[in-house]
Amino acid sequence: MDIKKYEAMAKLDLPETERLSLSERAASLVKEFSVLESIDTNAVEPLVTVLDIQSSLRDDLVIKTISREELLSNAPDQHDGFFRIPKALV
């Protein structure tokens, strides 16, 4: 496995011995994980989590509390139902 591309991305300058060592370890990892490619996952539903837990959060409920007109009634300046503010230059 060619480590030079990753070495350049990480802005490293590794000695050749370490480059060879990392290359061998990376190739070994790729070989180990290649076994996963042979597993047929077409009928498996994607998971968000592997843990068997339910969300302890409440469901989101949409509740209209104030109308747009009420909200904008105290705005110093508005246009087409939106607040109008002075331009800010950075």
C-alpha atoms as a PDB file:
ATOM      1  CA  MET A   1       0.000   0.000   0.000  1.00  0.00           C
ATOM      2  CA  ASP A   2       1.355   3.417  -0.954  1.00  0.00           C
ATOM      3  CA  ILE A   3       1.614   5.566   2.166  1.00  0.00           C
ATOM      4  CA  LYS A   4       3.160   8.590   0.415  1.00  0.00           C
ATOM      5  CA  LYS A   5      -0.260  10.039  -0.518  1.00  0.00           C
ATOM      6  CA  TYR A   6      -1.439   9.900   3.095  1.00  0.00           C
ATOM      7  CA  GLU A   7       1.907  11.153   4.310  1.00  0.00           C
ATOM      8  CA  ALA A   8       1.555  14.214   2.063  1.00  0.00           C
ATOM      9  CA  MET A   9      -2.037  14.865   3.214  1.00  0.00           C
ATOM     10  CA  ALA A  10      -0.903  14.786   6.848  1.00  0.00           C
ATOM     11  CA  LYS A  11       2.134  16.963   6.017  1.00  0.00           C
ATOM     12  CA  LEU A  12       4.520  14.337   7.385  1.00  0.00           C
ATOM     13  CA  ASP A  13       8.006  13.424   6.311  1.00  0.00           C
ATOM     14  CA  LEU A  14       8.507   9.863   7.515  1.00  0.00           C
ATOM     15  CA  PRO A  15      11.735   7.920   7.337  1.00  0.00           C
ATOM     16  CA  GLU A  16      11.680   5.099   4.795  1.00  0.00           C
ATOM     17  CA  THR A  17      11.699   2.410   7.517  1.00  0.00           C
ATOM     18  CA  GLU A  18       8.594   3.830   9.163  1.00  0.00           C
ATOM     19  CA  ARG A  19       6.924   4.305   5.772  1.00  0.00           C
ATOM     20  CA  LEU A  20       7.471   0.607   5.014  1.00  0.00           C
ATOM     21  CA  SER A  21       6.202  -0.427   8.442  1.00  0.00           C
ATOM     22  CA  LEU A  22       3.026   1.654   8.066  1.00  0.00           C
ATOM     23  CA  SER A  23       2.519   0.347   4.558  1.00  0.00           C
ATOM     24  CA  GLU A  24       2.680  -3.261   5.779  1.00  0.00           C
ATOM     25  CA  ARG A  25       0.277  -2.584   8.666  1.00  0.00           C
ATOM     26  CA  ALA A  26      -2.176  -0.775   6.394  1.00  0.00           C
ATOM     27  CA  ALA A  27      -2.065  -3.608   3.855  1.00  0.00           C
ATOM     28  CA  SER A  28      -2.723  -6.075   6.669  1.00  0.00           C
ATOM     29  CA  LEU A  29      -5.760  -4.083   7.834  1.00  0.00           C
ATOM     30  CA  VAL A  30      -7.155  -3.870   4.304  1.00  0.00           C
ATOM     31  CA  LYS A  31      -6.733  -7.624   3.949  1.00  0.00           C
ATOM     32  CA  GLU A  32      -8.513  -8.288   7.262  1.00  0.00           C
ATOM     33  CA  PHE A  33     -11.423  -5.998   6.404  1.00  0.00           C
ATOM     34  CA  SER A  34     -11.771  -7.397   2.882  1.00  0.00           C
ATOM     35  CA  VAL A  35     -13.566 -10.365   4.460  1.00  0.00           C
ATOM     36  CA  LEU A  36     -16.498  -8.024   5.098  1.00  0.00           C
ATOM     37  CA  GLU A  37     -16.981  -7.535   1.359  1.00  0.00           C
ATOM     38  CA  SER A  38     -18.116 -11.143   1.015  1.00  0.00           C
ATOM     39  CA  ILE A  39     -21.037 -10.673   3.425  1.00  0.00           C
ATOM     40  CA  ASP A  40     -24.430 -10.248   1.725  1.00  0.00           C
ATOM     41  CA  THR A  41     -26.169  -7.308   3.423  1.00  0.00           C
ATOM     42  CA  ASN A  42     -28.877  -6.648   0.829  1.00  0.00           C
ATOM     43  CA  ALA A  43     -31.716  -7.849   3.078  1.00  0.00           C
ATOM     44  CA  VAL A  44     -30.398  -6.107   6.201  1.00  0.00           C
ATOM     45  CA  GLU A  45     -32.142  -2.948   7.357  1.00  0.00           C
ATOM     46  CA  PRO A  46     -29.679  -0.102   8.069  1.00  0.00           C
ATOM     47  CA  LEU A  47     -29.310   0.746  11.749  1.00  0.00           C
ATOM     48  CA  VAL A  48     -28.810   4.037  13.488  1.00  0.00           C
ATOM     49  CA  THR A  49     -27.396   2.261  16.509  1.00  0.00           C
ATOM     50  CA  VAL A  50     -26.535  -1.302  17.370  1.00  0.00           C
ATOM     51  CA  LEU A  51     -27.815  -0.865  20.916  1.00  0.00           C
ATOM     52  CA  ASP A  52     -31.297  -2.060  21.777  1.00  0.00           C
ATOM     53  CA  ILE A  53     -32.513   1.195  23.319  1.00  0.00           C
ATOM     54  CA  GLN A  54     -35.471   3.458  22.754  1.00  0.00           C
ATOM     55  CA  SER A  55     -35.227   7.212  22.664  1.00  0.00           C
ATOM     56  CA  SER A  56     -35.937   8.757  26.039  1.00  0.00           C
ATOM     57  CA  LEU A  57     -36.769  12.079  24.408  1.00  0.00           C
ATOM     58  CA  ARG A  58     -40.321  13.170  23.864  1.00  0.00           C
ATOM     59  CA  ASP A  59     -41.827  13.355  20.389  1.00  0.00           C
ATOM     60  CA  ASP A  60     -41.598  16.690  18.653  1.00  0.00           C
ATOM     61  CA  LEU A  61     -44.981  18.357  18.493  1.00  0.00           C
ATOM     62  CA  VAL A  62     -45.675  21.354  16.277  1.00  0.00           C
ATOM     63  CA  ILE A  63     -47.548  23.976  18.265  1.00  0.00           C
ATOM     64  CA  LYS A  64     -48.335  27.380  16.824  1.00  0.00           C
ATOM     65  CA  THR A  65     -47.782  29.826  19.631  1.00  0.00           C
ATOM     66  CA  ILE A  66     -47.618  33.211  17.905  1.00  0.00           C
ATOM     67  CA  SER A  67     -48.520  34.395  14.429  1.00  0.00           C
ATOM     68  CA  ARG A  68     -46.051  36.075  12.106  1.00  0.00           C
ATOM     69  CA  GLU A  69     -48.070  39.274  12.264  1.00  0.00           C
ATOM     70  CA  GLU A  70     -47.941  39.316  16.068  1.00  0.00           C
ATOM     71  CA  LEU A  71     -44.230  38.621  16.022  1.00  0.00           C
ATOM     72  CA  LEU A  72     -43.504  41.431  13.577  1.00  0.00           C
ATOM     73  CA  SER A  73     -45.866  43.914  15.227  1.00  0.00           C
ATOM     74  CA  ASN A  74     -43.063  45.342  17.387  1.00  0.00           C
ATOM     75  CA  ALA A  75     -40.351  45.191  14.715  1.00  0.00           C
ATOM     76  CA  PRO A  76     -38.799  48.591  14.006  1.00  0.00           C
ATOM     77  CA  ASP A  77     -38.611  47.747  10.290  1.00  0.00           C
ATOM     78  CA  GLN A  78     -39.993  44.872   8.225  1.00  0.00           C
ATOM     79  CA  HIS A  79     -40.429  43.875   4.592  1.00  0.00           C
ATOM     80  CA  ASP A  80     -42.559  41.062   3.093  1.00  0.00           C
ATOM     81  CA  GLY A  81     -43.097  39.408   6.468  1.00  0.00           C
ATOM     82  CA  PHE A  82     -39.433  39.471   7.537  1.00  0.00           C
ATOM     83  CA  PHE A  83     -37.385  41.598   9.884  1.00  0.00           C
ATOM     84  CA  ARG A  84     -35.361  44.238   8.045  1.00  0.00           C
ATOM     85  CA  ILE A  85     -32.046  45.111   9.639  1.00  0.00           C
ATOM     86  CA  PRO A  86     -29.187  47.388   8.601  1.00  0.00           C
ATOM     87  CA  LYS A  87     -26.457  45.811   6.499  1.00  0.00           C
ATOM     88  CA  ALA A  88     -23.441  44.727   8.516  1.00  0.00           C
ATOM     89  CA  LEU A  89     -20.104  45.062   6.802  1.00  0.00           C
ATOM     90  CA  VAL A  90     -17.181  43.034   8.023  1.00  0.00           C
END
